[in-house]
Structures are given as C-alpha cells and as structure tokens.
Amino acid sequence: MTRRITAAALASMAALGVAGVATAASSHSATTYRASLTAVNPAATTAGLATVVGKAQLVDGKKNNKVSLHMRNLAPNTMYLWHVHVGSCAATGAPVVGWTYRTQVGANGTLTSNASGNANTRGRSATFNADPAQSYSVNVHVASPTNGLAAGTIIACGDLKVSKAGGKNKPAKPHPAQANGPTTKPHPPQAKGPKS
C-alpha cells in the first residue's frame, strides 16, 4: 500500500514538473508578421515590372524563425535577390543578418521566377529576435543590370506588420437557406430510448 501511494505521489510530481516546463517554454509564443509587397517606382517601371506584387510572412519563434515570399508579375525565368531588411520601405536599413535562404548568393536570398513570372521561396534563422521598437521590411532587387538599373536596385517592397491572432477576422456568412431566416420546418424532437 505504501509503495502505491509513493508511486502515485512521484507520478503526480513528475506530471506537475512537465506541466511547469511546458508553461515556461510557452512564455515566448511565436509572433507572425505579414507584408504585401508592391512595386517600388520608378525602378519597377524602368525594369518593366510596374505590376509586380507579392506577399511575405515572417514567423518570429523562440528558436525556429522563418520567412516565406510569394511574388507575381516578375519577368519570366529571371533571378532576383531578396531579404529581410531593418526599417520600413520608406526608410530601408541594412539586411538583417543571420538568415539562411533556400537559395542564395552570398548573404542575399535568390528568387527565380517561372515561365509565368511567379516565384516562391523561403528562409530560416536561428538567431532572429524581432525588436518591438524596430520596423522590418522585405525587399526584392534586380540581380543583374536591367534596362539601365544597377544590379541590386529595389523593385518591390513590403513592410512587415504584426498579424492579428487567427489572421483576418471575416464575419461568417450565413448558409443561403438561413440568410433570410429559417425557411424549413424545424427538426422533430429526437426519439428517446425504451421506457422502463
């Protein structure tokens, strides 16, 4: 009997210890940032990319930081440079160090468009820790001289903003049959089991 009580007490303490570690580990939850990239003019127009657009998402986790980029309306089958920058699109700072991109040249991530001018890529960092007092942006640059633009010229940019929990809050649409109130008869009461 004493062994059972001791075993139960040890199991309870172990469970509390694991719960405490899980609570402590979750004190820094991941923060998601999103950006809508648009053309940076006049450079984008000069490069022939006046309609370039894209989306970026950065997740600042405790140890697992990641960024993804999806671009449209780029020149077909063309390589571009991209990275996360300190600062906004209006006041771009230096690229944030510590990111490893899916494909890269030096410290620059590369992004190659398909035949339709679309491209997707991502990057990871074990050291990124967003400073709440700082702003961040994602830039796409031409990789080589293009229509008189120097290599490295920014053609698209988006400011990373903290995303609201659960993404965009859209009100749920009512079922068409219920849009103007119920039009069908209510269900009959459920049959109950046999009477005793």
N, C-alpha and C. Protein backbone atom coordinates (compact mmCIF):
# COMPACT_ATOMS: atom_id res chain seq x y z
N MET A 1 0.82 -1.18 0.00
CA MET A 1 0.00 0.00 0.00
C MET A 1 0.87 1.25 0.00
N THR A 2 1.93 1.25 0.82
CA THR A 2 2.82 2.40 0.90
C THR A 2 3.51 2.61 -0.44
N ARG A 3 3.85 1.50 -1.14
CA ARG A 3 4.52 1.62 -2.44
C ARG A 3 3.58 2.28 -3.46
N ARG A 4 2.30 1.93 -3.42
CA ARG A 4 1.33 2.51 -4.36
C ARG A 4 1.19 4.01 -4.13
N ILE A 5 1.11 4.41 -2.86
CA ILE A 5 0.98 5.84 -2.54
C ILE A 5 2.23 6.59 -2.96
N THR A 6 3.42 6.01 -2.70
CA THR A 6 4.67 6.65 -3.09
C THR A 6 4.75 6.77 -4.60
N ALA A 7 4.40 5.70 -5.34
CA ALA A 7 4.42 5.73 -6.80
C ALA A 7 3.45 6.77 -7.34
N ALA A 8 2.26 6.86 -6.75
CA ALA A 8 1.27 7.84 -7.18
C ALA A 8 1.77 9.27 -6.91
N ALA A 9 2.41 9.47 -5.77
CA ALA A 9 2.93 10.80 -5.43
C ALA A 9 4.04 11.20 -6.40
N LEU A 10 4.96 10.26 -6.73
CA LEU A 10 6.04 10.54 -7.67
C LEU A 10 5.48 10.85 -9.06
N ALA A 11 4.48 10.09 -9.49
CA ALA A 11 3.88 10.33 -10.80
C ALA A 11 3.23 11.71 -10.84
N SER A 12 2.57 12.10 -9.77
CA SER A 12 1.93 13.42 -9.72
C SER A 12 2.97 14.53 -9.78
N MET A 13 4.07 14.38 -9.03
CA MET A 13 5.11 15.40 -9.05
C MET A 13 5.76 15.49 -10.42
N ALA A 14 5.97 14.35 -11.08
CA ALA A 14 6.56 14.36 -12.42
C ALA A 14 5.63 15.08 -13.40
N ALA A 15 4.34 14.81 -13.30
CA ALA A 15 3.37 15.47 -14.18
C ALA A 15 3.36 16.97 -13.96
N LEU A 16 3.43 17.41 -12.71
CA LEU A 16 3.46 18.84 -12.42
C LEU A 16 4.75 19.47 -12.95
N GLY A 17 5.85 18.75 -12.84
CA GLY A 17 7.13 19.26 -13.34
C GLY A 17 7.09 19.44 -14.84
N VAL A 18 6.53 18.47 -15.57
CA VAL A 18 6.42 18.57 -17.03
C VAL A 18 5.51 19.72 -17.40
N ALA A 19 4.38 19.87 -16.71
CA ALA A 19 3.47 20.97 -16.98
C ALA A 19 4.14 22.31 -16.73
N GLY A 20 4.95 22.40 -15.69
CA GLY A 20 5.66 23.64 -15.40
C GLY A 20 6.65 23.99 -16.49
N VAL A 21 7.37 22.99 -17.02
CA VAL A 21 8.32 23.23 -18.10
C VAL A 21 7.56 23.68 -19.34
N ALA A 22 6.43 23.04 -19.65
CA ALA A 22 5.65 23.42 -20.83
C ALA A 22 5.15 24.85 -20.70
N THR A 23 4.72 25.24 -19.52
CA THR A 23 4.24 26.61 -19.31
C THR A 23 5.38 27.60 -19.48
N ALA A 24 6.55 27.28 -18.93
CA ALA A 24 7.69 28.18 -19.05
C ALA A 24 8.14 28.28 -20.51
N ALA A 25 8.11 27.17 -21.24
CA ALA A 25 8.55 27.17 -22.63
C ALA A 25 7.59 27.97 -23.49
N SER A 26 6.33 28.05 -23.13
CA SER A 26 5.36 28.75 -23.96
C SER A 26 5.27 30.23 -23.63
N SER A 27 6.12 30.73 -22.70
CA SER A 27 6.04 32.13 -22.33
C SER A 27 6.42 33.03 -23.51
N HIS A 28 7.22 32.55 -24.45
CA HIS A 28 7.55 33.31 -25.65
C HIS A 28 6.89 32.61 -26.83
N SER A 29 5.66 32.98 -27.09
CA SER A 29 4.98 32.35 -28.22
C SER A 29 5.45 33.02 -29.51
N ALA A 30 5.22 32.35 -30.61
CA ALA A 30 5.63 32.87 -31.90
C ALA A 30 4.80 34.10 -32.27
N THR A 31 5.43 35.05 -32.92
CA THR A 31 4.76 36.24 -33.43
C THR A 31 4.84 36.20 -34.94
N THR A 32 3.71 36.38 -35.61
CA THR A 32 3.67 36.35 -37.06
C THR A 32 3.55 37.77 -37.61
N TYR A 33 4.37 38.04 -38.61
CA TYR A 33 4.36 39.33 -39.30
C TYR A 33 4.00 39.05 -40.77
N ARG A 34 3.23 39.95 -41.37
CA ARG A 34 2.87 39.79 -42.78
C ARG A 34 3.13 41.10 -43.52
N ALA A 35 3.43 40.96 -44.82
CA ALA A 35 3.66 42.13 -45.67
C ALA A 35 3.05 41.89 -47.04
N SER A 36 2.49 42.94 -47.60
CA SER A 36 2.06 42.93 -49.00
C SER A 36 3.08 43.75 -49.77
N LEU A 37 3.76 43.10 -50.69
CA LEU A 37 4.79 43.80 -51.46
C LEU A 37 4.17 44.44 -52.69
N THR A 38 4.60 45.65 -52.99
CA THR A 38 4.15 46.37 -54.17
C THR A 38 5.38 46.91 -54.91
N ALA A 39 5.13 47.36 -56.13
CA ALA A 39 6.20 47.90 -56.96
C ALA A 39 6.80 49.14 -56.32
N VAL A 40 8.12 49.25 -56.39
CA VAL A 40 8.83 50.46 -55.95
C VAL A 40 9.17 51.22 -57.23
N ASN A 41 8.51 52.35 -57.41
CA ASN A 41 8.69 53.11 -58.64
C ASN A 41 9.54 54.34 -58.40
N PRO A 42 10.27 54.79 -59.40
CA PRO A 42 10.18 54.43 -60.81
C PRO A 42 10.98 53.19 -61.20
N ALA A 43 11.73 52.58 -60.26
CA ALA A 43 12.60 51.45 -60.61
C ALA A 43 11.83 50.28 -61.21
N ALA A 44 10.69 49.90 -60.62
CA ALA A 44 9.93 48.75 -61.12
C ALA A 44 9.45 49.01 -62.55
N THR A 45 8.99 50.21 -62.81
CA THR A 45 8.51 50.54 -64.17
C THR A 45 9.68 50.51 -65.15
N THR A 46 10.83 51.06 -64.75
CA THR A 46 12.02 51.04 -65.60
C THR A 46 12.43 49.61 -65.92
N ALA A 47 12.29 48.71 -64.92
CA ALA A 47 12.65 47.31 -65.12
C ALA A 47 11.58 46.55 -65.90
N GLY A 48 10.47 47.22 -66.23
CA GLY A 48 9.38 46.56 -66.96
C GLY A 48 8.48 45.74 -66.04
N LEU A 49 8.46 46.10 -64.75
CA LEU A 49 7.72 45.31 -63.76
C LEU A 49 6.74 46.20 -62.97
N ALA A 50 6.03 47.07 -63.65
CA ALA A 50 5.15 48.03 -62.97
C ALA A 50 4.04 47.35 -62.17
N THR A 51 3.68 46.11 -62.52
CA THR A 51 2.58 45.43 -61.82
C THR A 51 3.04 44.35 -60.85
N VAL A 52 4.33 44.34 -60.52
CA VAL A 52 4.85 43.32 -59.60
C VAL A 52 4.17 43.45 -58.23
N VAL A 53 3.75 42.31 -57.67
CA VAL A 53 3.13 42.28 -56.35
C VAL A 53 3.57 40.99 -55.65
N GLY A 54 3.38 40.97 -54.34
CA GLY A 54 3.73 39.75 -53.61
C GLY A 54 3.28 39.80 -52.17
N LYS A 55 3.52 38.69 -51.48
CA LYS A 55 3.18 38.58 -50.06
C LYS A 55 4.35 37.91 -49.36
N ALA A 56 4.60 38.36 -48.13
CA ALA A 56 5.65 37.76 -47.31
C ALA A 56 5.07 37.49 -45.93
N GLN A 57 5.58 36.45 -45.30
CA GLN A 57 5.20 36.14 -43.92
C GLN A 57 6.45 35.77 -43.16
N LEU A 58 6.63 36.37 -41.99
CA LEU A 58 7.77 36.08 -41.13
C LEU A 58 7.22 35.60 -39.79
N VAL A 59 7.72 34.47 -39.32
CA VAL A 59 7.33 33.95 -38.01
C VAL A 59 8.55 34.05 -37.10
N ASP A 60 8.42 34.87 -36.06
CA ASP A 60 9.48 35.04 -35.07
C ASP A 60 9.16 34.09 -33.92
N GLY A 61 9.76 32.92 -33.97
CA GLY A 61 9.54 31.92 -32.93
C GLY A 61 10.65 31.98 -31.90
N LYS A 62 10.56 31.10 -30.91
CA LYS A 62 11.57 31.09 -29.86
C LYS A 62 12.94 30.71 -30.43
N LYS A 63 12.98 29.65 -31.24
CA LYS A 63 14.24 29.22 -31.86
C LYS A 63 14.09 29.01 -33.35
N ASN A 64 12.86 28.86 -33.82
CA ASN A 64 12.61 28.50 -35.21
C ASN A 64 11.96 29.68 -35.92
N ASN A 65 12.78 30.53 -36.52
CA ASN A 65 12.29 31.70 -37.23
C ASN A 65 12.27 31.37 -38.72
N LYS A 66 11.19 31.79 -39.39
CA LYS A 66 11.12 31.51 -40.81
C LYS A 66 10.43 32.64 -41.54
N VAL A 67 10.77 32.77 -42.82
CA VAL A 67 10.17 33.78 -43.67
C VAL A 67 9.85 33.13 -45.01
N SER A 68 8.71 33.48 -45.57
CA SER A 68 8.34 32.99 -46.89
C SER A 68 7.97 34.17 -47.77
N LEU A 69 8.17 34.00 -49.07
CA LEU A 69 7.92 35.06 -50.04
C LEU A 69 7.25 34.46 -51.26
N HIS A 70 6.18 35.12 -51.72
CA HIS A 70 5.43 34.70 -52.91
C HIS A 70 5.25 35.93 -53.78
N MET A 71 5.80 35.90 -55.00
CA MET A 71 5.77 37.05 -55.91
C MET A 71 5.05 36.69 -57.21
N ARG A 72 4.40 37.72 -57.80
CA ARG A 72 3.73 37.59 -59.09
C ARG A 72 4.13 38.76 -59.99
N ASN A 73 3.99 38.53 -61.28
CA ASN A 73 4.23 39.56 -62.31
C ASN A 73 5.69 39.97 -62.43
N LEU A 74 6.59 39.03 -62.16
CA LEU A 74 8.01 39.25 -62.41
C LEU A 74 8.31 38.91 -63.87
N ALA A 75 9.48 39.25 -64.35
CA ALA A 75 9.88 38.83 -65.69
C ALA A 75 10.04 37.31 -65.68
N PRO A 76 9.59 36.62 -66.72
CA PRO A 76 9.68 35.15 -66.74
C PRO A 76 11.13 34.64 -66.67
N ASN A 77 11.30 33.54 -65.95
CA ASN A 77 12.58 32.82 -65.89
C ASN A 77 13.76 33.74 -65.56
N THR A 78 13.58 34.57 -64.55
CA THR A 78 14.61 35.55 -64.18
C THR A 78 14.92 35.43 -62.69
N MET A 79 16.20 35.57 -62.35
CA MET A 79 16.61 35.51 -60.94
C MET A 79 16.62 36.92 -60.34
N TYR A 80 16.12 37.01 -59.11
CA TYR A 80 16.09 38.25 -58.33
C TYR A 80 16.76 38.00 -56.99
N LEU A 81 17.13 39.06 -56.30
CA LEU A 81 17.67 38.97 -54.94
C LEU A 81 16.58 39.42 -53.98
N TRP A 82 16.61 38.89 -52.75
CA TRP A 82 15.63 39.33 -51.75
C TRP A 82 16.18 39.08 -50.36
N HIS A 83 15.65 39.82 -49.39
CA HIS A 83 15.99 39.58 -47.99
C HIS A 83 15.13 40.44 -47.09
N VAL A 84 15.23 40.13 -45.80
CA VAL A 84 14.56 40.91 -44.76
C VAL A 84 15.48 42.06 -44.41
N HIS A 85 14.91 43.27 -44.34
CA HIS A 85 15.68 44.48 -44.01
C HIS A 85 15.20 45.06 -42.69
N VAL A 86 16.10 45.73 -42.00
CA VAL A 86 15.73 46.58 -40.88
C VAL A 86 15.13 47.83 -41.49
N GLY A 87 14.09 48.37 -40.87
CA GLY A 87 13.48 49.60 -41.36
C GLY A 87 12.30 49.33 -42.27
N SER A 88 11.61 50.39 -42.58
CA SER A 88 10.42 50.32 -43.43
C SER A 88 10.81 50.49 -44.89
N CYS A 89 9.85 50.34 -45.78
CA CYS A 89 10.11 50.58 -47.19
C CYS A 89 10.49 52.04 -47.44
N ALA A 90 9.93 52.95 -46.66
CA ALA A 90 10.23 54.38 -46.81
C ALA A 90 11.62 54.73 -46.29
N ALA A 91 12.13 53.94 -45.35
CA ALA A 91 13.45 54.21 -44.76
C ALA A 91 14.17 52.88 -44.56
N THR A 92 14.56 52.26 -45.67
CA THR A 92 15.17 50.93 -45.63
C THR A 92 16.56 50.98 -45.02
N GLY A 93 16.81 50.07 -44.09
CA GLY A 93 18.13 49.93 -43.48
C GLY A 93 18.86 48.75 -44.09
N ALA A 94 19.80 48.23 -43.36
CA ALA A 94 20.62 47.11 -43.82
C ALA A 94 19.84 45.80 -43.76
N PRO A 95 20.26 44.82 -44.56
CA PRO A 95 19.63 43.49 -44.44
C PRO A 95 19.88 42.92 -43.03
N VAL A 96 18.90 42.19 -42.52
CA VAL A 96 19.03 41.56 -41.21
C VAL A 96 19.96 40.36 -41.37
N VAL A 97 21.01 40.30 -40.54
CA VAL A 97 21.97 39.19 -40.62
C VAL A 97 21.40 37.94 -39.95
N GLY A 98 21.93 36.81 -40.32
CA GLY A 98 21.56 35.55 -39.68
C GLY A 98 20.53 34.72 -40.41
N TRP A 99 20.05 35.20 -41.56
CA TRP A 99 19.07 34.42 -42.32
C TRP A 99 19.78 33.53 -43.33
N THR A 100 19.29 32.31 -43.46
CA THR A 100 19.74 31.39 -44.48
C THR A 100 18.56 31.17 -45.41
N TYR A 101 18.76 31.49 -46.68
CA TYR A 101 17.67 31.40 -47.66
C TYR A 101 17.75 30.09 -48.42
N ARG A 102 16.60 29.64 -48.94
CA ARG A 102 16.55 28.37 -49.68
C ARG A 102 17.64 28.33 -50.73
N THR A 103 17.75 29.38 -51.51
CA THR A 103 18.86 29.54 -52.45
C THR A 103 19.42 30.93 -52.21
N GLN A 104 20.73 31.06 -52.28
CA GLN A 104 21.31 32.37 -52.03
C GLN A 104 22.63 32.54 -52.73
N VAL A 105 23.00 33.82 -52.90
CA VAL A 105 24.30 34.23 -53.44
C VAL A 105 24.87 35.15 -52.38
N GLY A 106 25.93 34.72 -51.71
CA GLY A 106 26.47 35.47 -50.59
C GLY A 106 25.42 35.53 -49.48
N ALA A 107 25.14 36.71 -48.97
CA ALA A 107 24.13 36.86 -47.92
C ALA A 107 22.74 37.14 -48.49
N ASN A 108 22.64 37.23 -49.82
CA ASN A 108 21.36 37.54 -50.46
C ASN A 108 20.59 36.28 -50.80
N GLY A 109 19.31 36.27 -50.46
CA GLY A 109 18.45 35.19 -50.92
C GLY A 109 18.20 35.40 -52.40
N THR A 110 18.00 34.30 -53.13
CA THR A 110 17.67 34.42 -54.55
C THR A 110 16.26 33.88 -54.77
N LEU A 111 15.64 34.40 -55.79
CA LEU A 111 14.27 34.08 -56.13
C LEU A 111 14.24 34.01 -57.65
N THR A 112 13.87 32.85 -58.20
CA THR A 112 13.82 32.71 -59.65
C THR A 112 12.39 32.49 -60.09
N SER A 113 11.93 33.34 -60.99
CA SER A 113 10.55 33.25 -61.47
C SER A 113 10.40 32.11 -62.47
N ASN A 114 9.17 31.60 -62.57
CA ASN A 114 8.88 30.56 -63.55
C ASN A 114 8.48 31.23 -64.87
N ALA A 115 8.03 30.43 -65.84
CA ALA A 115 7.67 30.95 -67.16
C ALA A 115 6.50 31.93 -67.09
N SER A 116 5.69 31.87 -66.04
CA SER A 116 4.56 32.79 -65.88
C SER A 116 4.93 34.05 -65.08
N GLY A 117 6.16 34.14 -64.60
CA GLY A 117 6.58 35.30 -63.83
C GLY A 117 6.25 35.21 -62.35
N ASN A 118 5.93 34.02 -61.87
CA ASN A 118 5.63 33.81 -60.45
C ASN A 118 6.81 33.13 -59.77
N ALA A 119 6.98 33.39 -58.46
CA ALA A 119 8.09 32.77 -57.73
C ALA A 119 7.74 32.66 -56.26
N ASN A 120 8.22 31.59 -55.63
CA ASN A 120 8.04 31.35 -54.19
C ASN A 120 9.36 30.90 -53.61
N THR A 121 9.63 31.32 -52.39
CA THR A 121 10.85 30.89 -51.71
C THR A 121 10.69 31.09 -50.21
N ARG A 122 11.74 30.74 -49.47
CA ARG A 122 11.68 30.88 -48.01
C ARG A 122 13.08 30.97 -47.43
N GLY A 123 13.11 31.29 -46.14
CA GLY A 123 14.38 31.35 -45.42
C GLY A 123 14.17 31.00 -43.96
N ARG A 124 15.29 30.74 -43.24
CA ARG A 124 15.25 30.38 -41.82
C ARG A 124 16.35 31.11 -41.08
N SER A 125 16.10 31.30 -39.78
CA SER A 125 17.12 31.89 -38.92
C SER A 125 16.98 31.33 -37.52
N ALA A 126 18.11 30.97 -36.92
CA ALA A 126 18.10 30.50 -35.53
C ALA A 126 18.40 31.66 -34.58
N THR A 127 18.77 32.83 -35.13
CA THR A 127 19.20 33.93 -34.28
C THR A 127 18.29 35.15 -34.31
N PHE A 128 17.35 35.21 -35.26
CA PHE A 128 16.50 36.41 -35.37
C PHE A 128 15.61 36.54 -34.14
N ASN A 129 15.55 37.74 -33.60
CA ASN A 129 14.68 38.05 -32.47
C ASN A 129 14.18 39.48 -32.70
N ALA A 130 12.94 39.61 -33.16
CA ALA A 130 12.41 40.91 -33.52
C ALA A 130 12.44 41.87 -32.34
N ASP A 131 12.91 43.07 -32.59
CA ASP A 131 12.90 44.14 -31.60
C ASP A 131 11.59 44.90 -31.78
N PRO A 132 10.71 44.91 -30.77
CA PRO A 132 9.41 45.57 -30.93
C PRO A 132 9.51 47.06 -31.24
N ALA A 133 10.65 47.67 -30.93
CA ALA A 133 10.82 49.10 -31.22
C ALA A 133 11.32 49.33 -32.64
N GLN A 134 11.60 48.26 -33.36
CA GLN A 134 12.17 48.34 -34.70
C GLN A 134 11.13 47.94 -35.75
N SER A 135 11.25 48.47 -36.95
CA SER A 135 10.39 48.02 -38.05
C SER A 135 11.23 47.16 -39.00
N TYR A 136 10.55 46.31 -39.76
CA TYR A 136 11.22 45.40 -40.69
C TYR A 136 10.45 45.40 -42.00
N SER A 137 11.15 45.10 -43.09
CA SER A 137 10.53 45.02 -44.40
C SER A 137 11.18 43.92 -45.21
N VAL A 138 10.52 43.52 -46.29
CA VAL A 138 11.07 42.54 -47.22
C VAL A 138 11.22 43.23 -48.56
N ASN A 139 12.42 43.13 -49.15
CA ASN A 139 12.71 43.77 -50.43
C ASN A 139 13.07 42.74 -51.49
N VAL A 140 12.70 43.04 -52.72
CA VAL A 140 13.12 42.25 -53.88
C VAL A 140 13.92 43.20 -54.77
N HIS A 141 15.10 42.73 -55.22
CA HIS A 141 16.03 43.54 -56.00
C HIS A 141 16.30 42.86 -57.34
N VAL A 142 16.63 43.65 -58.37
CA VAL A 142 17.11 43.04 -59.61
C VAL A 142 18.50 42.48 -59.32
N ALA A 143 18.78 41.29 -59.87
CA ALA A 143 20.06 40.63 -59.60
C ALA A 143 21.15 41.06 -60.57
N SER A 144 20.75 41.56 -61.72
CA SER A 144 21.72 41.99 -62.72
C SER A 144 21.23 43.31 -63.33
N PRO A 145 22.12 44.05 -63.98
CA PRO A 145 21.67 45.30 -64.60
C PRO A 145 20.47 45.05 -65.52
N THR A 146 19.44 45.88 -65.36
CA THR A 146 18.19 45.69 -66.12
C THR A 146 17.69 47.04 -66.62
N ASN A 147 17.62 47.21 -67.93
CA ASN A 147 17.09 48.43 -68.56
C ASN A 147 17.72 49.70 -67.95
N GLY A 148 19.01 49.67 -67.70
CA GLY A 148 19.70 50.84 -67.16
C GLY A 148 19.74 50.88 -65.64
N LEU A 149 19.03 49.97 -64.95
CA LEU A 149 19.09 49.91 -63.47
C LEU A 149 20.31 49.11 -63.05
N ALA A 150 20.95 49.54 -61.99
CA ALA A 150 22.10 48.80 -61.46
C ALA A 150 21.62 47.53 -60.76
N ALA A 151 22.46 46.51 -60.78
CA ALA A 151 22.15 45.29 -60.03
C ALA A 151 21.96 45.66 -58.57
N GLY A 152 20.97 45.09 -57.92
CA GLY A 152 20.71 45.38 -56.52
C GLY A 152 19.65 46.45 -56.31
N THR A 153 19.15 47.07 -57.38
CA THR A 153 18.11 48.09 -57.25
C THR A 153 16.81 47.44 -56.77
N ILE A 154 16.19 48.05 -55.78
CA ILE A 154 14.93 47.52 -55.21
C ILE A 154 13.79 47.77 -56.19
N ILE A 155 13.04 46.70 -56.51
CA ILE A 155 11.90 46.84 -57.41
C ILE A 155 10.56 46.56 -56.72
N ALA A 156 10.60 45.93 -55.53
CA ALA A 156 9.37 45.66 -54.77
C ALA A 156 9.71 45.65 -53.29
N CYS A 157 8.75 46.10 -52.47
CA CYS A 157 8.98 46.16 -51.04
C CYS A 157 7.65 46.03 -50.31
N GLY A 158 7.71 45.50 -49.09
CA GLY A 158 6.54 45.41 -48.23
C GLY A 158 6.96 45.53 -46.78
N ASP A 159 6.23 46.34 -46.01
CA ASP A 159 6.51 46.50 -44.58
C ASP A 159 5.89 45.34 -43.80
N LEU A 160 6.69 44.69 -42.96
CA LEU A 160 6.19 43.59 -42.13
C LEU A 160 5.45 44.18 -40.93
N LYS A 161 4.21 43.76 -40.76
CA LYS A 161 3.35 44.22 -39.66
C LYS A 161 2.91 43.01 -38.85
N VAL A 162 2.78 43.18 -37.54
CA VAL A 162 2.31 42.09 -36.69
C VAL A 162 0.91 41.69 -37.14
N SER A 163 0.73 40.40 -37.32
CA SER A 163 -0.55 39.87 -37.75
C SER A 163 -1.44 39.65 -36.55
N LYS A 164 -2.71 39.95 -36.70
CA LYS A 164 -3.66 39.69 -35.61
C LYS A 164 -3.81 38.20 -35.45
N ALA A 165 -4.07 37.75 -34.22
CA ALA A 165 -4.25 36.32 -33.94
C ALA A 165 -5.34 35.77 -34.82
N GLY A 166 -5.06 34.64 -35.44
CA GLY A 166 -6.06 33.98 -36.27
C GLY A 166 -6.20 34.60 -37.65
N GLY A 167 -5.32 35.52 -38.02
CA GLY A 167 -5.40 36.11 -39.35
C GLY A 167 -6.50 37.15 -39.43
N LYS A 168 -6.96 37.39 -40.63
CA LYS A 168 -8.02 38.38 -40.83
C LYS A 168 -9.32 37.87 -40.25
N ASN A 169 -10.01 38.73 -39.59
CA ASN A 169 -11.29 38.35 -39.00
C ASN A 169 -12.41 38.72 -39.95
N LYS A 170 -12.95 37.71 -40.63
CA LYS A 170 -14.07 37.93 -41.52
C LYS A 170 -15.31 37.37 -40.86
N PRO A 171 -16.43 38.09 -40.92
CA PRO A 171 -17.64 37.53 -40.34
C PRO A 171 -18.09 36.32 -41.15
N ALA A 172 -18.58 35.34 -40.45
CA ALA A 172 -19.04 34.13 -41.12
C ALA A 172 -20.28 34.44 -41.92
N LYS A 173 -20.33 33.90 -43.14
CA LYS A 173 -21.51 34.10 -43.97
C LYS A 173 -22.56 33.08 -43.57
N PRO A 174 -23.83 33.50 -43.46
CA PRO A 174 -24.86 32.53 -43.12
C PRO A 174 -25.11 31.59 -44.29
N HIS A 175 -25.56 30.41 -43.98
CA HIS A 175 -25.93 29.45 -45.00
C HIS A 175 -27.03 30.07 -45.84
N PRO A 176 -27.04 29.87 -47.18
CA PRO A 176 -28.06 30.51 -48.02
C PRO A 176 -29.49 30.26 -47.53
N ALA A 177 -29.77 29.09 -47.01
CA ALA A 177 -31.12 28.78 -46.55
C ALA A 177 -31.47 29.58 -45.29
N GLN A 178 -30.44 30.07 -44.58
CA GLN A 178 -30.69 30.80 -43.35
C GLN A 178 -30.45 32.30 -43.50
N ALA A 179 -30.11 32.74 -44.71
CA ALA A 179 -29.79 34.15 -44.91
C ALA A 179 -30.96 35.05 -44.55
N ASN A 180 -32.18 34.63 -44.86
CA ASN A 180 -33.36 35.43 -44.56
C ASN A 180 -34.19 34.80 -43.46
N GLY A 181 -33.57 34.05 -42.61
CA GLY A 181 -34.30 33.37 -41.54
C GLY A 181 -34.61 31.95 -41.97
N PRO A 182 -35.00 31.09 -41.03
CA PRO A 182 -35.26 29.70 -41.38
C PRO A 182 -36.47 29.59 -42.30
N THR A 183 -36.30 28.78 -43.36
CA THR A 183 -37.40 28.56 -44.30
C THR A 183 -37.88 27.12 -44.28
N THR A 184 -37.21 26.31 -43.51
CA THR A 184 -37.61 24.90 -43.43
C THR A 184 -38.20 24.63 -42.06
N LYS A 185 -38.90 23.52 -41.99
CA LYS A 185 -39.51 23.14 -40.71
C LYS A 185 -38.41 22.70 -39.75
N PRO A 186 -38.58 23.00 -38.46
CA PRO A 186 -37.57 22.54 -37.51
C PRO A 186 -37.61 21.02 -37.41
N HIS A 187 -36.48 20.46 -36.99
CA HIS A 187 -36.40 19.02 -36.81
C HIS A 187 -37.33 18.59 -35.69
N PRO A 188 -37.97 17.41 -35.83
CA PRO A 188 -38.82 16.92 -34.72
C PRO A 188 -37.93 16.53 -33.57
N PRO A 189 -38.49 16.50 -32.35
CA PRO A 189 -37.68 16.08 -31.20
C PRO A 189 -37.15 14.69 -31.41
N GLN A 190 -35.94 14.45 -30.89
CA GLN A 190 -35.31 13.15 -31.04
C GLN A 190 -36.05 12.10 -30.23
N ALA A 191 -36.12 10.90 -30.80
CA ALA A 191 -36.79 9.80 -30.10
C ALA A 191 -35.95 9.42 -28.89
N LYS A 192 -36.61 9.09 -27.83
CA LYS A 192 -35.93 8.67 -26.61
C LYS A 192 -35.89 7.16 -26.58
N GLY A 193 -34.97 6.63 -25.84
CA GLY A 193 -34.83 5.18 -25.72
C GLY A 193 -36.08 4.54 -25.11
N PRO A 194 -36.07 3.20 -25.02
CA PRO A 194 -37.24 2.49 -24.50
C PRO A 194 -37.55 2.93 -23.07
N LYS A 195 -38.83 2.96 -22.79
CA LYS A 195 -39.26 3.34 -21.42
C LYS A 195 -39.06 2.16 -20.50
N SER A 196 -38.68 2.45 -19.29
CA SER A 196 -38.51 1.35 -18.34
C SER A 196 -39.64 1.23 -17.40
